[in-house]
Amino acid sequence: VESANATCVVLPTNQPIDPTRNTGDLMRKINLEQPFHPLYNYAFVTDSEEGLILVDLATLADGEPRNNFLKRALTWDGNGALRGAKHMVLGGYYGYVVTDTELVVINVDKPLAPKVVARMTLNKPHSVALQFRYLFVTDADGLKAIDVTDPESPVLTPGNVIPLENAQRLHLARTYAYVAA
């Protein structure tokens, strides 16, 4: 799928799933399974010029390899809020996107009708990662922790900035944050 300047790809899961097979009496009545959320049909791509691109992945799970061609399902910039988008993470049906100047929280409960629900100014943010109720962001100040217990009202955790020069990507593992700096 071509884009102007793709910066990040996020999948809701790394498990091979097919939401269309999770239907019928066997799944609902006998197995008592819940339906897959619609966001599992898509790859979420951030693009610094176009914003958010959703790519329909259903064709990859239908068992027919001759039709495995990906297509855009949505291109959306949140009325300009996602210009400069560079990195993203999903948590439930919320997407946390860092742009050139801020963190933008988007509600993707209805993936083809996303909504910007919160914005937080940061100092040239670069990367974002989520663990439980905390979002970790690298920016020009270093590593910051943001409480997202209420995803629509993120709060910078007071006194919880680790100064790092040139903090770039990060990875979370248990009680450690690994930061390329």
Protein backbone atom coordinates (compact mmCIF):
# COMPACT_ATOMS: atom_id res chain seq x y z
CA VAL A 1 0.00 0.00 0.00
CA GLU A 2 1.61 3.22 -1.12
CA SER A 3 1.66 6.29 1.09
CA ALA A 4 3.29 9.70 1.11
CA ASN A 5 5.63 9.05 4.08
CA ALA A 6 4.74 6.04 6.22
CA THR A 7 6.40 6.16 9.65
CA CYS A 8 4.95 3.27 11.68
CA VAL A 9 2.83 0.12 11.31
CA VAL A 10 0.78 -1.24 14.22
CA LEU A 11 -1.20 -4.48 14.34
CA PRO A 12 -3.81 -5.07 17.06
CA THR A 13 -2.38 -8.57 17.62
CA ASN A 14 0.46 -10.73 16.40
CA GLN A 15 -1.83 -13.77 16.34
CA PRO A 16 -3.21 -14.95 12.98
CA ILE A 17 -6.94 -14.38 13.38
CA ASP A 18 -9.89 -14.30 11.02
CA PRO A 19 -12.78 -12.27 12.47
CA THR A 20 -15.16 -13.62 9.80
CA ARG A 21 -14.76 -17.18 11.16
CA ASN A 22 -15.72 -16.10 14.68
CA THR A 23 -19.46 -16.27 14.03
CA GLY A 24 -22.42 -18.62 14.39
CA ASP A 25 -23.89 -20.84 17.08
CA LEU A 26 -20.68 -22.83 17.64
CA MET A 27 -18.82 -19.68 18.64
CA ARG A 28 -21.58 -17.80 20.49
CA LYS A 29 -23.79 -20.46 22.09
CA ILE A 30 -21.57 -23.53 22.48
CA ASN A 31 -18.13 -21.98 23.01
CA LEU A 32 -19.56 -18.77 24.54
CA GLU A 33 -16.99 -16.71 22.65
CA GLN A 34 -17.24 -12.98 22.16
CA PRO A 35 -17.02 -11.56 18.66
CA PHE A 36 -13.73 -10.02 17.57
CA HIS A 37 -13.63 -6.26 17.75
CA PRO A 38 -13.68 -4.67 14.25
CA LEU A 39 -10.23 -3.13 14.76
CA TYR A 40 -8.73 -6.61 14.28
CA ASN A 41 -9.54 -6.32 10.57
CA TYR A 42 -6.91 -3.62 10.05
CA ALA A 43 -3.28 -2.65 10.12
CA PHE A 44 -2.84 0.90 11.44
CA VAL A 45 -0.23 2.92 9.55
CA THR A 46 0.92 6.37 10.59
CA ASP A 47 2.10 8.70 7.86
CA SER A 48 3.68 12.08 8.57
CA GLU A 49 1.81 13.70 5.67
CA GLU A 50 -1.46 11.74 5.48
CA GLY A 51 -2.10 10.99 9.17
CA LEU A 52 -3.63 7.57 9.83
CA ILE A 53 -4.11 4.91 7.18
CA LEU A 54 -6.11 1.75 7.87
CA VAL A 55 -5.25 -1.22 5.68
CA ASP A 56 -7.82 -4.02 5.41
CA LEU A 57 -6.12 -7.32 6.28
CA ALA A 58 -9.15 -9.62 5.86
CA THR A 59 -7.98 -10.83 2.48
CA LEU A 60 -4.95 -12.47 4.11
CA ALA A 61 -7.11 -14.72 6.30
CA ASP A 62 -9.70 -15.99 3.83
CA GLY A 63 -7.69 -19.02 2.73
CA GLU A 64 -7.42 -17.84 -0.87
CA PRO A 65 -3.80 -16.86 -1.65
CA ARG A 66 -4.64 -15.54 -5.14
CA ASN A 67 -6.44 -12.49 -3.75
CA ASN A 68 -3.86 -11.36 -1.20
CA PHE A 69 -3.81 -7.74 -2.28
CA LEU A 70 -3.93 -5.09 0.43
CA LYS A 71 -6.11 -2.00 0.10
CA ARG A 72 -6.67 1.16 2.08
CA ALA A 73 -9.85 1.16 4.07
CA LEU A 74 -9.39 4.68 5.47
CA THR A 75 -7.12 7.71 5.25
CA TRP A 76 -7.74 10.20 8.06
CA ASP A 77 -5.80 13.08 9.57
CA GLY A 78 -8.15 14.16 12.37
CA ASN A 79 -8.60 17.65 10.89
CA GLY A 80 -4.83 18.09 10.88
CA ALA A 81 -4.19 16.66 14.36
CA LEU A 82 -2.15 13.79 12.92
CA ARG A 83 0.09 15.79 10.63
CA GLY A 84 3.66 14.87 11.49
CA ALA A 85 2.59 11.47 12.89
CA LYS A 86 5.68 9.40 13.56
CA HIS A 87 4.89 6.56 15.98
CA MET A 88 1.84 4.81 17.42
CA VAL A 89 0.75 2.17 19.90
CA LEU A 90 -2.68 0.62 20.46
CA GLY A 91 -4.22 -0.04 23.86
CA GLY A 92 -7.70 -1.51 23.74
CA TYR A 93 -9.59 0.61 21.26
CA TYR A 94 -7.41 3.67 21.81
CA GLY A 95 -4.53 4.68 19.59
CA TYR A 96 -1.73 6.80 21.02
CA VAL A 97 0.07 8.70 18.27
CA VAL A 98 3.04 11.02 18.65
CA THR A 99 3.43 13.80 16.11
CA ASP A 100 6.10 16.47 15.77
CA THR A 101 4.70 18.39 18.74
CA GLU A 102 2.24 16.32 20.73
CA LEU A 103 0.60 13.11 21.84
CA VAL A 104 -2.76 12.57 20.14
CA VAL A 105 -5.17 10.02 21.60
CA ILE A 106 -7.68 8.61 19.14
CA ASN A 107 -10.69 6.43 19.83
CA VAL A 108 -10.86 3.64 17.23
CA ASP A 109 -13.83 1.78 18.71
CA LYS A 110 -15.37 2.33 15.28
CA PRO A 111 -12.21 1.94 13.18
CA LEU A 112 -13.64 3.55 10.05
CA ALA A 113 -14.86 6.55 12.08
CA PRO A 114 -11.96 7.38 14.46
CA LYS A 115 -12.16 10.39 16.78
CA VAL A 116 -9.51 12.53 18.42
CA VAL A 117 -10.31 12.42 22.15
CA ALA A 118 -7.26 14.05 23.73
CA ARG A 119 -4.12 15.99 22.86
CA MET A 120 -1.07 16.71 25.00
CA THR A 121 1.76 19.02 23.99
CA LEU A 122 5.23 17.46 24.31
CA ASN A 123 8.76 18.60 23.46
CA LYS A 124 9.43 17.04 20.04
CA PRO A 125 8.15 13.54 20.87
CA HIS A 126 9.74 10.61 19.11
CA SER A 127 8.40 7.27 20.34
CA VAL A 128 5.60 5.84 22.47
CA ALA A 129 5.00 2.55 24.33
CA LEU A 130 2.19 1.37 26.60
CA GLN A 131 2.27 -0.85 29.65
CA PHE A 132 -0.84 -1.30 31.75
CA ARG A 133 -2.07 2.17 32.70
CA TYR A 134 1.07 4.07 31.77
CA LEU A 135 2.20 5.43 28.47
CA PHE A 136 5.91 6.04 28.08
CA VAL A 137 7.10 8.67 25.63
CA THR A 138 10.54 9.74 24.52
CA ASP A 139 10.98 13.35 23.53
CA ALA A 140 13.65 16.08 23.59
CA ASP A 141 13.50 16.08 27.42
CA GLY A 142 14.08 12.32 27.75
CA LEU A 143 11.71 9.58 28.93
CA LYS A 144 8.32 10.60 30.32
CA ALA A 145 5.55 8.61 32.00
CA ILE A 146 1.94 9.52 31.28
CA ASP A 147 -0.96 8.10 33.28
CA VAL A 148 -3.64 6.89 30.84
CA THR A 149 -5.93 5.25 33.39
CA ASP A 150 -8.56 7.41 31.71
CA PRO A 151 -7.34 7.34 28.09
CA GLU A 152 -9.37 10.41 27.22
CA SER A 153 -7.65 12.44 29.97
CA PRO A 154 -3.92 11.60 29.91
CA VAL A 155 -1.88 13.11 32.75
CA LEU A 156 1.88 13.62 32.77
CA THR A 157 3.10 11.86 35.91
CA PRO A 158 4.65 14.56 38.14
CA GLY A 159 8.37 14.23 38.82
CA ASN A 160 8.66 11.24 36.53
CA VAL A 161 10.86 12.47 33.69
CA ILE A 162 14.23 10.81 33.16
CA PRO A 163 16.45 13.31 31.35
CA LEU A 164 18.13 11.71 28.34
CA GLU A 165 19.94 13.40 25.53
CA ASN A 166 18.62 12.42 22.10
CA ALA A 167 16.08 9.83 23.36
CA GLN A 168 14.74 7.87 20.39
CA ARG A 169 12.85 4.55 20.29
CA LEU A 170 12.00 2.63 23.43
CA HIS A 171 11.00 -0.88 24.42
CA LEU A 172 9.28 -1.91 27.65
CA ALA A 173 9.92 -5.22 29.39
CA ARG A 174 8.56 -5.86 32.86
CA THR A 175 9.90 -3.04 35.06
CA TYR A 176 12.50 -1.81 32.58
CA ALA A 177 12.41 0.70 29.75
CA TYR A 178 15.16 0.32 27.16
CA VAL A 179 15.77 3.60 25.35
CA ALA A 180 17.95 4.18 22.32
CA ALA A 181 19.72 7.46 23.09
